[in-house]
Protein backbone atom coordinates (compact mmCIF):
# COMPACT_ATOMS: atom_id res chain seq x y z
CA MET A 1 88.61 96.29 115.29
CA ASN A 2 89.25 99.02 117.82
CA ILE A 3 86.32 99.48 120.21
CA ALA A 4 85.87 102.08 122.96
CA TYR A 5 83.74 101.88 126.07
CA VAL A 6 83.00 105.25 127.68
CA ARG A 7 80.87 105.64 130.80
CA VAL A 8 80.00 108.44 133.16
CA SER A 9 77.80 107.88 136.19
CA THR A 10 75.16 110.58 135.78
CA ALA A 11 73.47 112.57 133.03
CA GLU A 12 75.07 115.73 134.41
CA GLN A 13 78.59 114.41 133.87
CA ASN A 14 80.41 114.92 130.57
CA GLU A 15 81.98 111.98 128.75
CA GLN A 16 83.90 114.24 126.33
CA ARG A 17 87.23 114.01 128.21
CA GLN A 18 87.23 110.23 127.79
CA ILE A 19 86.21 110.45 124.13
CA GLU A 20 88.95 112.95 123.33
CA ALA A 21 91.61 110.78 125.00
CA LEU A 22 90.44 107.69 123.09
CA LYS A 23 90.28 109.30 119.63
CA GLN A 24 94.01 108.77 119.05
CA TYR A 25 93.45 104.98 118.93
CA LYS A 26 91.43 105.07 115.69
CA ILE A 27 88.28 103.78 117.35
CA GLU A 28 85.90 102.19 114.87
CA LYS A 29 83.01 101.42 117.22
CA TRP A 30 81.93 103.47 120.25
CA PHE A 31 79.82 102.39 123.21
CA VAL A 32 78.94 105.41 125.35
CA GLU A 33 76.55 105.57 128.28
CA LYS A 34 75.55 107.71 131.22
CA VAL A 35 74.66 105.24 133.95
CA THR A 36 76.00 104.10 137.29
CA GLY A 37 78.66 101.39 137.27
CA LYS A 38 77.40 99.69 140.42
CA ASN A 39 76.59 96.52 138.48
CA CYS A 40 76.94 95.04 135.00
CA ASP A 41 73.30 95.57 134.05
CA ARG A 42 74.10 98.31 131.53
CA GLN A 43 72.74 98.35 128.00
CA GLN A 44 75.85 99.65 126.20
CA LEU A 45 78.14 97.35 128.18
CA LYS A 46 76.03 94.32 127.25
CA GLU A 47 75.96 95.37 123.60
CA MET A 48 79.73 95.85 123.56
CA LEU A 49 80.35 92.44 125.13
CA GLN A 50 78.13 90.82 122.48
CA PHE A 51 79.67 92.85 119.67
CA ALA A 52 83.35 92.16 120.49
CA ARG A 53 84.95 89.39 118.44
CA GLU A 54 88.24 87.53 118.52
CA SER A 55 91.22 89.84 117.89
CA ASP A 56 89.20 92.99 118.65
CA CYS A 57 90.70 95.52 121.03
CA ILE A 58 88.60 97.35 123.64
CA TYR A 59 89.92 100.63 125.05
CA VAL A 60 88.77 102.12 128.37
CA MET A 61 90.13 105.08 130.31
CA ASP A 62 90.09 103.27 133.64
CA TRP A 63 88.84 100.01 135.16
CA SER A 64 86.18 101.96 137.05
CA ARG A 65 84.51 102.75 133.72
CA LEU A 66 83.92 99.02 133.19
CA GLY A 67 82.90 98.16 136.72
CA ARG A 68 83.00 99.30 140.33
CA SER A 69 83.10 95.80 141.81
CA THR A 70 86.39 93.89 141.69
CA VAL A 71 84.53 90.63 141.18
CA ASP A 72 82.44 92.07 138.30
CA LEU A 73 85.53 93.58 136.72
CA LEU A 74 87.50 90.33 136.90
CA ARG A 75 84.57 88.41 135.41
CA LEU A 76 84.34 90.90 132.52
CA ILE A 77 88.07 90.64 131.88
CA ASP A 78 87.93 86.84 132.05
CA GLY A 79 85.02 86.72 129.58
CA LEU A 80 86.85 88.97 127.13
CA SER A 81 90.04 86.97 127.53
CA ARG A 82 88.18 83.74 126.72
CA LYS A 83 86.99 85.38 123.48
CA ASN A 84 90.58 86.48 122.74
CA VAL A 85 89.56 90.13 122.95
CA LYS A 86 92.35 92.46 124.00
CA LEU A 87 91.50 95.03 126.71
CA ILE A 88 93.58 98.18 127.16
CA ARG A 89 93.24 100.57 130.07
CA LEU A 90 94.70 103.94 129.10
CA LYS A 91 95.49 104.97 132.64
CA GLU A 92 98.91 103.33 133.21
CA ASN A 93 98.75 101.74 129.71
CA PHE A 94 97.57 98.35 131.03
CA ASP A 95 97.09 95.64 128.36
CA THR A 96 95.47 92.32 129.35
CA SER A 97 96.93 90.52 126.33
CA THR A 98 100.56 90.93 127.42
CA PRO A 99 102.42 88.68 129.86
CA THR A 100 102.78 91.63 132.26
CA GLY A 101 99.06 92.39 132.05
CA ARG A 102 98.16 88.77 132.80
CA LEU A 103 100.62 88.72 135.69
CA MET A 104 99.11 91.89 137.16
CA LEU A 105 95.67 90.26 137.11
CA GLY A 106 96.93 86.91 138.34
CA ASP A 107 97.33 84.14 135.79
CA THR A 108 94.32 82.29 137.13
CA LEU A 109 91.36 84.61 137.41
CA PRO A 110 89.42 82.34 139.78
CA GLU A 111 92.29 82.74 142.26
CA ALA A 112 92.31 86.50 141.65
CA VAL A 113 88.56 86.64 142.36
CA LYS A 114 89.05 84.71 145.59
CA THR A 115 91.92 86.98 146.61
CA ALA A 116 89.94 90.14 145.84
CA THR A 117 86.94 88.80 147.73
CA ARG A 118 89.06 87.92 150.77
CA PHE A 119 90.74 91.32 150.68
CA SER A 120 87.41 93.18 150.43
CA ARG A 121 85.90 91.13 153.23
CA ARG A 122 88.90 91.64 155.52
CA ALA A 123 88.90 95.39 154.81
CA VAL A 124 85.26 95.57 155.91
CA GLU A 125 85.99 93.49 159.02
CA VAL A 126 88.85 95.76 160.04
CA THR A 127 86.80 98.88 159.33
CA MET A 128 84.00 97.56 161.52
CA GLY A 129 86.43 97.00 164.42
CA ASN A 130 87.97 94.04 166.25
CA GLY A 131 88.12 92.07 163.01
CA GLN A 132 84.50 91.04 163.57
CA PRO A 133 82.46 90.80 160.35
CA THR A 134 79.43 92.62 161.66
CA ARG A 135 77.48 95.76 160.89
CA ASN A 136 74.92 97.11 163.34
CA GLY A 137 75.17 93.88 165.30
CA VAL A 138 74.22 91.69 162.30
CA GLU A 139 76.75 89.15 161.04
CA PHE A 140 77.46 89.29 157.29
CA GLU A 141 76.50 86.34 155.15
CA ARG A 142 79.55 84.34 154.12
CA VAL A 143 79.67 84.01 150.34
CA GLN A 144 81.53 81.17 148.65
CA ILE A 145 83.09 81.90 145.27
CA GLY A 146 83.46 78.77 143.18
CA ARG A 147 85.13 78.03 139.90
CA ALA A 148 83.06 78.65 136.80
């Protein structure tokens, strides 16, 4: 089954551009919401994740529609992959079920999560100056990411 997930961040924004772009893929089930993507606590996202079955295909315009956090996004992709649900990002035609798509994510998602976490942390450290992980004189808590 072809499934679409469409999200805009605020009620004032219009989701129609995403819907129009996705129509060509013969979408059978739509999940549309107007809510921030800052976390995965979104009703339509949860319903879509429960609804999706093996061999289904989920279409999104861009990764940012699924999640704003790299860690959240990688966890969503990993969960769908474990259910053998294909995920296609229309921007750049990215398909997680292909060898190239898996390579782009990193064959082992736990390693990809660690890499993304290290990158994000280092970017913050550099932004804050002198490579010191502080903000307003307070040291950041060090978070360990383990294997699921």
